[in-house]
């Protein structure tokens, strides 16, 4: 696992489901995504675990959509800037915001488990930080879905 990835974790409230092991798994998902994408620079990412109300407010403020969502990504770079020779020794890639209750509900809905769903959301969001945008076009959507599946299969090789 990449050792030069700095991840700061914060939460909008105390979630009993969140402990060191969850943070470790989120780190594994983020690092696996960066590795798979060949991102070899030192990187910094902020992860906020939040309530449905908090993410709904962000979704309304930043996307004009007044409803809860599972995850939001706030990349700091455009794709071409990210891959160019940026002088900073550590690339601050951006912020990932995950709704803990929504992740838990989604895991139950699809018959998965909570920690795996959190990891999936971290993979999905990290790909956004690297410039993938499934909302741009059907081709981008297909590519991002394929990348997510490849990364999750690498993380969970014995599962379908």
N, C-alpha and C. Protein backbone atom coordinates (compact mmCIF):
# COMPACT_ATOMS: atom_id res chain seq x y z
N UNK A 1 0.84 -1.18 0.00
CA UNK A 1 0.00 0.00 0.00
C UNK A 1 0.89 1.24 0.00
N UNK A 2 0.43 2.25 -0.74
CA UNK A 2 1.18 3.50 -0.80
C UNK A 2 1.35 4.09 0.60
N UNK A 3 2.54 4.51 0.90
CA UNK A 3 2.80 5.10 2.21
C UNK A 3 2.84 6.62 2.14
N UNK A 4 2.84 7.16 0.92
CA UNK A 4 2.93 8.60 0.77
C UNK A 4 1.58 9.24 0.44
N UNK A 5 0.53 8.68 1.03
CA UNK A 5 -0.81 9.25 0.90
C UNK A 5 -1.24 9.69 2.29
N UNK A 6 -1.53 10.96 2.40
CA UNK A 6 -1.92 11.55 3.68
C UNK A 6 -3.42 11.77 3.65
N UNK A 7 -4.13 11.12 4.56
CA UNK A 7 -5.58 11.22 4.59
C UNK A 7 -6.00 11.78 5.93
N UNK A 8 -6.72 12.89 5.89
CA UNK A 8 -7.25 13.44 7.14
C UNK A 8 -8.72 13.07 7.23
N UNK A 9 -9.10 12.54 8.37
CA UNK A 9 -10.48 12.12 8.60
C UNK A 9 -11.15 13.09 9.57
N UNK A 10 -12.40 13.38 9.27
CA UNK A 10 -13.22 14.15 10.20
C UNK A 10 -14.64 13.62 10.12
N UNK A 11 -15.45 13.98 11.10
CA UNK A 11 -16.85 13.55 11.13
C UNK A 11 -17.70 14.69 11.65
N UNK A 12 -18.91 14.77 11.13
CA UNK A 12 -19.82 15.83 11.56
C UNK A 12 -20.51 15.49 12.87
N UNK A 13 -20.41 14.22 13.25
CA UNK A 13 -20.95 13.76 14.52
C UNK A 13 -20.29 12.43 14.87
N UNK A 14 -20.60 11.90 16.02
CA UNK A 14 -20.04 10.61 16.45
C UNK A 14 -20.87 9.49 15.84
N UNK A 15 -20.20 8.62 15.09
CA UNK A 15 -20.86 7.45 14.50
C UNK A 15 -20.27 6.21 15.17
N UNK A 16 -21.12 5.43 15.83
CA UNK A 16 -20.62 4.27 16.55
C UNK A 16 -20.00 3.22 15.62
N UNK A 17 -20.40 3.24 14.34
CA UNK A 17 -19.87 2.26 13.38
C UNK A 17 -18.46 2.59 12.92
N UNK A 18 -18.02 3.82 13.17
CA UNK A 18 -16.73 4.27 12.65
C UNK A 18 -15.66 4.11 13.72
N UNK A 19 -14.66 3.32 13.38
CA UNK A 19 -13.52 3.14 14.28
C UNK A 19 -12.25 3.09 13.44
N UNK A 20 -11.16 2.75 14.07
CA UNK A 20 -9.88 2.71 13.37
C UNK A 20 -9.91 1.77 12.17
N UNK A 21 -10.59 0.62 12.32
CA UNK A 21 -10.61 -0.36 11.22
C UNK A 21 -11.31 0.21 9.98
N UNK A 22 -12.34 0.99 10.18
CA UNK A 22 -13.05 1.61 9.05
C UNK A 22 -12.13 2.61 8.35
N UNK A 23 -11.44 3.40 9.13
CA UNK A 23 -10.51 4.37 8.54
C UNK A 23 -9.40 3.65 7.77
N UNK A 24 -8.93 2.55 8.31
CA UNK A 24 -7.90 1.77 7.63
C UNK A 24 -8.43 1.24 6.30
N UNK A 25 -9.64 0.71 6.29
CA UNK A 25 -10.23 0.18 5.06
C UNK A 25 -10.47 1.28 4.02
N UNK A 26 -10.89 2.45 4.48
CA UNK A 26 -11.05 3.58 3.56
C UNK A 26 -9.70 3.95 2.96
N UNK A 27 -8.68 3.95 3.79
CA UNK A 27 -7.33 4.24 3.29
C UNK A 27 -6.91 3.19 2.25
N UNK A 28 -7.19 1.92 2.52
CA UNK A 28 -6.86 0.86 1.56
C UNK A 28 -7.57 1.08 0.23
N UNK A 29 -8.84 1.47 0.27
CA UNK A 29 -9.61 1.70 -0.95
C UNK A 29 -9.05 2.88 -1.73
N UNK A 30 -8.71 3.95 -1.04
CA UNK A 30 -8.15 5.14 -1.70
C UNK A 30 -6.80 4.82 -2.31
N UNK A 31 -5.95 4.16 -1.55
CA UNK A 31 -4.60 3.82 -2.05
C UNK A 31 -4.67 2.84 -3.21
N UNK A 32 -5.57 1.87 -3.15
CA UNK A 32 -5.73 0.92 -4.25
C UNK A 32 -6.15 1.65 -5.52
N UNK A 33 -7.00 2.64 -5.39
CA UNK A 33 -7.45 3.41 -6.54
C UNK A 33 -6.30 4.22 -7.13
N UNK A 34 -5.55 4.88 -6.28
CA UNK A 34 -4.41 5.66 -6.76
C UNK A 34 -3.38 4.75 -7.42
N UNK A 35 -3.10 3.60 -6.80
CA UNK A 35 -2.15 2.63 -7.38
C UNK A 35 -2.63 2.15 -8.74
N UNK A 36 -3.88 1.74 -8.82
CA UNK A 36 -4.46 1.20 -10.06
C UNK A 36 -4.42 2.22 -11.19
N UNK A 37 -4.54 3.50 -10.82
CA UNK A 37 -4.54 4.57 -11.81
C UNK A 37 -3.13 5.08 -12.11
N UNK A 38 -2.13 4.49 -11.46
CA UNK A 38 -0.75 4.88 -11.71
C UNK A 38 -0.38 6.24 -11.16
N UNK A 39 -1.11 6.70 -10.16
CA UNK A 39 -0.81 7.98 -9.53
C UNK A 39 0.31 7.75 -8.53
N UNK A 40 1.52 8.17 -8.89
CA UNK A 40 2.67 7.82 -8.06
C UNK A 40 3.25 8.99 -7.29
N UNK A 41 2.58 10.11 -7.29
CA UNK A 41 3.05 11.26 -6.50
C UNK A 41 2.51 11.18 -5.08
N UNK A 42 3.19 11.79 -4.13
CA UNK A 42 2.61 11.92 -2.80
C UNK A 42 1.29 12.69 -2.91
N UNK A 43 0.30 12.26 -2.14
CA UNK A 43 -1.03 12.87 -2.25
C UNK A 43 -1.64 13.10 -0.88
N UNK A 44 -2.55 14.05 -0.87
CA UNK A 44 -3.30 14.38 0.35
C UNK A 44 -4.78 14.43 -0.01
N UNK A 45 -5.59 13.77 0.82
CA UNK A 45 -7.04 13.72 0.61
C UNK A 45 -7.72 13.91 1.96
N UNK A 46 -8.80 14.65 1.96
CA UNK A 46 -9.60 14.84 3.16
C UNK A 46 -10.87 14.00 3.03
N UNK A 47 -11.19 13.24 4.08
CA UNK A 47 -12.41 12.43 4.10
C UNK A 47 -13.27 12.89 5.27
N UNK A 48 -14.51 13.26 4.96
CA UNK A 48 -15.47 13.65 5.99
C UNK A 48 -16.60 12.65 6.01
N UNK A 49 -16.86 12.07 7.17
CA UNK A 49 -17.97 11.16 7.36
C UNK A 49 -19.09 11.98 8.00
N UNK A 50 -20.28 11.90 7.40
CA UNK A 50 -21.29 12.86 7.81
C UNK A 50 -22.70 12.28 7.90
N UNK A 51 -23.59 13.15 8.33
CA UNK A 51 -25.02 12.84 8.46
C UNK A 51 -25.73 13.13 7.14
N UNK A 52 -26.93 12.59 6.97
CA UNK A 52 -27.71 12.88 5.77
C UNK A 52 -28.00 14.38 5.60
N UNK A 53 -28.25 15.05 6.69
CA UNK A 53 -28.55 16.48 6.63
C UNK A 53 -27.35 17.28 6.12
N UNK A 54 -26.18 16.91 6.58
CA UNK A 54 -24.97 17.61 6.19
C UNK A 54 -24.70 17.46 4.69
N UNK A 55 -24.78 16.22 4.19
CA UNK A 55 -24.48 15.99 2.78
C UNK A 55 -25.57 16.59 1.89
N UNK A 56 -26.80 16.61 2.39
CA UNK A 56 -27.90 17.24 1.63
C UNK A 56 -27.62 18.73 1.46
N UNK A 57 -27.15 19.36 2.53
CA UNK A 57 -26.81 20.78 2.45
C UNK A 57 -25.69 21.05 1.45
N UNK A 58 -24.67 20.21 1.47
CA UNK A 58 -23.58 20.36 0.49
C UNK A 58 -24.06 20.12 -0.93
N UNK A 59 -24.90 19.12 -1.10
CA UNK A 59 -25.42 18.80 -2.42
C UNK A 59 -26.24 19.98 -2.97
N UNK A 60 -27.03 20.59 -2.11
CA UNK A 60 -27.83 21.75 -2.53
C UNK A 60 -26.93 22.94 -2.85
N UNK A 61 -25.96 23.19 -1.99
CA UNK A 61 -25.08 24.34 -2.16
C UNK A 61 -24.19 24.23 -3.40
N UNK A 62 -23.63 23.05 -3.63
CA UNK A 62 -22.62 22.90 -4.69
C UNK A 62 -23.16 22.35 -6.00
N UNK A 63 -24.28 21.63 -5.95
CA UNK A 63 -24.81 21.04 -7.18
C UNK A 63 -26.23 21.50 -7.49
N UNK A 64 -26.83 22.26 -6.58
CA UNK A 64 -28.19 22.74 -6.80
C UNK A 64 -29.23 21.65 -6.70
N UNK A 65 -28.88 20.55 -6.03
CA UNK A 65 -29.80 19.41 -5.87
C UNK A 65 -30.15 19.30 -4.40
N UNK A 66 -31.41 19.56 -4.06
CA UNK A 66 -31.85 19.57 -2.67
C UNK A 66 -32.31 18.18 -2.23
N UNK A 67 -31.36 17.25 -2.20
CA UNK A 67 -31.67 15.91 -1.69
C UNK A 67 -30.39 15.26 -1.19
N UNK A 68 -30.61 14.28 -0.34
CA UNK A 68 -29.48 13.51 0.21
C UNK A 68 -28.83 12.68 -0.88
N UNK A 69 -27.55 12.47 -0.76
CA UNK A 69 -26.81 11.59 -1.64
C UNK A 69 -25.86 10.76 -0.79
N UNK A 70 -25.20 9.79 -1.40
CA UNK A 70 -24.31 8.92 -0.62
C UNK A 70 -22.91 9.48 -0.49
N UNK A 71 -22.39 10.09 -1.55
CA UNK A 71 -21.02 10.59 -1.53
C UNK A 71 -20.90 11.79 -2.45
N UNK A 72 -20.05 12.71 -2.05
CA UNK A 72 -19.70 13.87 -2.88
C UNK A 72 -18.18 13.96 -2.95
N UNK A 73 -17.72 14.42 -4.09
CA UNK A 73 -16.29 14.60 -4.32
C UNK A 73 -16.04 16.05 -4.69
N UNK A 74 -14.98 16.60 -4.14
CA UNK A 74 -14.59 17.96 -4.45
C UNK A 74 -13.13 17.99 -4.88
N UNK A 75 -12.89 17.72 -6.18
CA UNK A 75 -11.51 17.73 -6.68
C UNK A 75 -10.93 19.13 -6.66
N UNK A 76 -9.64 19.23 -6.39
CA UNK A 76 -8.98 20.53 -6.38
C UNK A 76 -8.36 20.88 -7.72
N UNK A 77 -8.25 19.90 -8.60
CA UNK A 77 -7.61 20.12 -9.90
C UNK A 77 -8.51 19.69 -11.03
N UNK A 78 -8.32 20.33 -12.17
CA UNK A 78 -8.85 19.80 -13.42
C UNK A 78 -7.89 18.68 -13.81
N UNK A 79 -8.34 17.73 -14.61
CA UNK A 79 -7.53 16.56 -14.96
C UNK A 79 -6.18 16.96 -15.55
N UNK A 80 -6.16 17.91 -16.47
CA UNK A 80 -4.90 18.28 -17.11
C UNK A 80 -3.93 18.93 -16.13
N UNK A 81 -4.45 19.69 -15.16
CA UNK A 81 -3.59 20.28 -14.13
C UNK A 81 -3.00 19.20 -13.23
N UNK A 82 -3.83 18.21 -12.89
CA UNK A 82 -3.43 17.15 -11.99
C UNK A 82 -2.27 16.34 -12.56
N UNK A 83 -2.31 16.06 -13.84
CA UNK A 83 -1.30 15.22 -14.45
C UNK A 83 -0.07 16.00 -14.92
N UNK A 84 -0.13 17.32 -14.88
CA UNK A 84 1.02 18.11 -15.30
C UNK A 84 2.04 18.18 -14.17
N UNK A 85 3.17 18.82 -14.45
CA UNK A 85 4.22 18.95 -13.45
C UNK A 85 3.88 20.06 -12.47
N UNK A 86 3.13 19.73 -11.45
CA UNK A 86 2.79 20.70 -10.41
C UNK A 86 3.94 20.75 -9.42
N UNK A 87 4.31 21.93 -9.00
CA UNK A 87 5.51 22.10 -8.19
C UNK A 87 5.37 21.66 -6.74
N UNK A 88 4.13 21.61 -6.24
CA UNK A 88 3.96 21.22 -4.85
C UNK A 88 4.49 19.80 -4.63
N UNK A 89 5.18 19.57 -3.51
CA UNK A 89 5.71 18.22 -3.26
C UNK A 89 4.61 17.19 -2.98
N UNK A 90 3.46 17.66 -2.48
CA UNK A 90 2.33 16.77 -2.21
C UNK A 90 1.12 17.31 -2.97
N UNK A 91 0.48 16.47 -3.77
CA UNK A 91 -0.71 16.88 -4.51
C UNK A 91 -1.93 16.79 -3.60
N UNK A 92 -2.52 17.92 -3.30
CA UNK A 92 -3.77 17.93 -2.54
C UNK A 92 -4.89 17.64 -3.53
N UNK A 93 -5.39 16.41 -3.52
CA UNK A 93 -6.34 16.00 -4.54
C UNK A 93 -7.75 16.53 -4.31
N UNK A 94 -8.14 16.69 -3.05
CA UNK A 94 -9.47 17.22 -2.78
C UNK A 94 -10.12 16.54 -1.60
N UNK A 95 -11.45 16.66 -1.58
CA UNK A 95 -12.25 16.21 -0.45
C UNK A 95 -13.25 15.15 -0.87
N UNK A 96 -13.44 14.18 0.01
CA UNK A 96 -14.45 13.15 -0.14
C UNK A 96 -15.39 13.29 1.06
N UNK A 97 -16.70 13.33 0.79
CA UNK A 97 -17.70 13.43 1.85
C UNK A 97 -18.65 12.25 1.70
N UNK A 98 -18.76 11.43 2.75
CA UNK A 98 -19.58 10.21 2.70
C UNK A 98 -20.65 10.28 3.79
N UNK A 99 -21.90 10.04 3.38
CA UNK A 99 -23.00 9.93 4.33
C UNK A 99 -22.99 8.54 4.94
N UNK A 100 -22.66 8.45 6.21
CA UNK A 100 -22.57 7.17 6.90
C UNK A 100 -23.92 6.45 6.92
N UNK A 101 -25.02 7.10 7.31
CA UNK A 101 -26.30 6.39 7.30
C UNK A 101 -26.73 5.93 5.90
N UNK A 102 -26.45 6.74 4.88
CA UNK A 102 -26.82 6.35 3.51
C UNK A 102 -25.99 5.14 3.06
N UNK A 103 -24.72 5.12 3.39
CA UNK A 103 -23.87 3.98 3.04
C UNK A 103 -24.39 2.71 3.72
N UNK A 104 -24.78 2.84 4.96
CA UNK A 104 -25.31 1.70 5.70
C UNK A 104 -26.60 1.18 5.06
N UNK A 105 -27.50 2.10 4.70
CA UNK A 105 -28.76 1.72 4.07
C UNK A 105 -28.53 1.08 2.70
N UNK A 106 -27.62 1.63 1.93
CA UNK A 106 -27.32 1.07 0.61
C UNK A 106 -26.75 -0.33 0.72
N UNK A 107 -25.89 -0.55 1.69
CA UNK A 107 -25.31 -1.89 1.89
C UNK A 107 -26.44 -2.89 2.15
N UNK A 108 -27.39 -2.52 3.00
CA UNK A 108 -28.52 -3.40 3.29
C UNK A 108 -29.37 -3.63 2.05
N UNK A 109 -29.61 -2.57 1.26
CA UNK A 109 -30.44 -2.65 0.05
C UNK A 109 -29.86 -3.62 -0.97
N UNK A 110 -28.54 -3.64 -1.11
CA UNK A 110 -27.92 -4.48 -2.14
C UNK A 110 -27.39 -5.80 -1.58
N UNK A 111 -27.61 -6.04 -0.30
CA UNK A 111 -27.16 -7.30 0.30
C UNK A 111 -25.66 -7.37 0.50
N UNK A 112 -25.04 -6.22 0.71
CA UNK A 112 -23.60 -6.18 0.95
C UNK A 112 -23.38 -5.89 2.43
N UNK A 113 -22.18 -5.53 2.76
CA UNK A 113 -21.95 -5.13 4.15
C UNK A 113 -21.39 -3.72 4.18
N UNK A 114 -21.60 -3.08 5.31
CA UNK A 114 -21.35 -1.65 5.49
C UNK A 114 -19.93 -1.24 5.12
N UNK A 115 -18.94 -1.94 5.63
CA UNK A 115 -17.55 -1.55 5.38
C UNK A 115 -17.20 -1.65 3.90
N UNK A 116 -17.71 -2.66 3.23
CA UNK A 116 -17.46 -2.80 1.80
C UNK A 116 -18.11 -1.66 1.03
N UNK A 117 -19.30 -1.27 1.41
CA UNK A 117 -19.99 -0.15 0.75
C UNK A 117 -19.21 1.14 0.95
N UNK A 118 -18.70 1.36 2.16
CA UNK A 118 -17.86 2.55 2.39
C UNK A 118 -16.64 2.53 1.49
N UNK A 119 -16.03 1.36 1.34
CA UNK A 119 -14.85 1.25 0.47
C UNK A 119 -15.22 1.54 -0.99
N UNK A 120 -16.36 1.03 -1.43
CA UNK A 120 -16.82 1.31 -2.79
C UNK A 120 -16.99 2.81 -2.99
N UNK A 121 -17.62 3.48 -2.03
CA UNK A 121 -17.83 4.93 -2.15
C UNK A 121 -16.51 5.68 -2.16
N UNK A 122 -15.52 5.19 -1.41
CA UNK A 122 -14.19 5.82 -1.43
C UNK A 122 -13.52 5.62 -2.79
N UNK A 123 -13.64 4.44 -3.37
CA UNK A 123 -13.09 4.18 -4.70
C UNK A 123 -13.76 5.11 -5.71
N UNK A 124 -15.08 5.13 -5.69
CA UNK A 124 -15.86 5.97 -6.60
C UNK A 124 -15.43 7.43 -6.51
N UNK A 125 -15.34 7.91 -5.31
CA UNK A 125 -15.00 9.32 -5.08
C UNK A 125 -13.55 9.63 -5.45
N UNK A 126 -12.64 8.71 -5.15
CA UNK A 126 -11.24 8.93 -5.51
C UNK A 126 -11.09 9.01 -7.03
N UNK A 127 -11.83 8.20 -7.75
CA UNK A 127 -11.81 8.30 -9.22
C UNK A 127 -12.27 9.69 -9.67
N UNK A 128 -13.27 10.24 -8.99
CA UNK A 128 -13.70 11.62 -9.30
C UNK A 128 -12.56 12.60 -9.05
N UNK A 129 -11.84 12.42 -7.94
CA UNK A 129 -10.73 13.32 -7.64
C UNK A 129 -9.65 13.24 -8.70
N UNK A 130 -9.56 12.10 -9.37
CA UNK A 130 -8.57 11.91 -10.43
C UNK A 130 -9.09 12.33 -11.81
N UNK A 131 -10.31 12.85 -11.85
CA UNK A 131 -10.82 13.40 -13.11
C UNK A 131 -11.91 12.62 -13.80
N UNK A 132 -12.27 11.45 -13.30
CA UNK A 132 -13.37 10.70 -13.90
C UNK A 132 -14.69 11.35 -13.52
N UNK A 133 -15.61 11.42 -14.48
CA UNK A 133 -16.90 12.05 -14.20
C UNK A 133 -17.99 11.33 -14.97
N UNK A 134 -18.67 10.42 -14.28
CA UNK A 134 -19.72 9.62 -14.91
C UNK A 134 -20.91 10.46 -15.35
N UNK A 135 -21.02 11.69 -14.87
CA UNK A 135 -22.15 12.53 -15.24
C UNK A 135 -21.92 13.28 -16.55
N UNK A 136 -20.68 13.28 -17.05
CA UNK A 136 -20.34 13.99 -18.28
C UNK A 136 -20.91 13.33 -19.52
N UNK A 137 -20.79 12.01 -19.58
CA UNK A 137 -21.22 11.31 -20.78
C UNK A 137 -21.40 9.82 -20.49
N UNK A 138 -22.13 9.13 -21.36
CA UNK A 138 -22.28 7.67 -21.18
C UNK A 138 -20.93 6.94 -21.26
N UNK A 139 -20.00 7.45 -22.09
CA UNK A 139 -18.69 6.81 -22.20
C UNK A 139 -17.92 6.95 -20.88
N UNK A 140 -17.95 8.14 -20.28
CA UNK A 140 -17.29 8.34 -18.99
C UNK A 140 -17.93 7.47 -17.92
N UNK A 141 -19.26 7.35 -17.96
CA UNK A 141 -19.97 6.53 -16.99
C UNK A 141 -19.52 5.07 -17.11
N UNK A 142 -19.45 4.57 -18.34
CA UNK A 142 -19.03 3.19 -18.56
C UNK A 142 -17.59 2.96 -18.11
N UNK A 143 -16.71 3.91 -18.42
CA UNK A 143 -15.31 3.79 -18.03
C UNK A 143 -15.17 3.82 -16.51
N UNK A 144 -15.85 4.76 -15.85
CA UNK A 144 -15.75 4.84 -14.39
C UNK A 144 -16.31 3.59 -13.73
N UNK A 145 -17.42 3.08 -14.25
CA UNK A 145 -18.00 1.84 -13.69
C UNK A 145 -17.03 0.67 -13.84
N UNK A 146 -16.39 0.58 -14.99
CA UNK A 146 -15.43 -0.50 -15.23
C UNK A 146 -14.24 -0.39 -14.27
N UNK A 147 -13.73 0.83 -14.10
CA UNK A 147 -12.59 1.04 -13.18
C UNK A 147 -12.98 0.67 -11.76
N UNK A 148 -14.17 1.10 -11.32
CA UNK A 148 -14.64 0.78 -9.97
C UNK A 148 -14.70 -0.73 -9.77
N UNK A 149 -15.24 -1.42 -10.75
CA UNK A 149 -15.37 -2.87 -10.65
C UNK A 149 -14.00 -3.53 -10.58
N UNK A 150 -13.06 -3.08 -11.41
CA UNK A 150 -11.71 -3.65 -11.40
C UNK A 150 -11.04 -3.46 -10.04
N UNK A 151 -11.17 -2.26 -9.49
CA UNK A 151 -10.54 -1.96 -8.20
C UNK A 151 -11.18 -2.77 -7.07
N UNK A 152 -12.51 -2.84 -7.07
CA UNK A 152 -13.20 -3.62 -6.04
C UNK A 152 -12.87 -5.10 -6.18
N UNK A 153 -12.76 -5.60 -7.40
CA UNK A 153 -12.38 -7.00 -7.60
C UNK A 153 -10.96 -7.26 -7.09
N UNK A 154 -10.09 -6.29 -7.25
CA UNK A 154 -8.72 -6.43 -6.73
C UNK A 154 -8.72 -6.43 -5.19
N UNK A 155 -9.60 -5.63 -4.60
CA UNK A 155 -9.69 -5.56 -3.15
C UNK A 155 -10.38 -6.80 -2.56
N UNK A 156 -11.33 -7.36 -3.31
CA UNK A 156 -12.11 -8.52 -2.87
C UNK A 156 -12.07 -9.59 -3.95
N UNK A 157 -10.92 -10.23 -4.15
CA UNK A 157 -10.75 -11.16 -5.28
C UNK A 157 -11.60 -12.43 -5.20
N UNK A 158 -12.06 -12.81 -4.03
CA UNK A 158 -12.83 -14.04 -3.91
C UNK A 158 -14.33 -13.82 -3.96
N UNK A 159 -14.75 -12.57 -4.21
CA UNK A 159 -16.18 -12.27 -4.27
C UNK A 159 -16.55 -11.87 -5.68
N UNK A 160 -17.82 -12.04 -6.02
CA UNK A 160 -18.32 -11.61 -7.34
C UNK A 160 -18.78 -10.19 -7.30
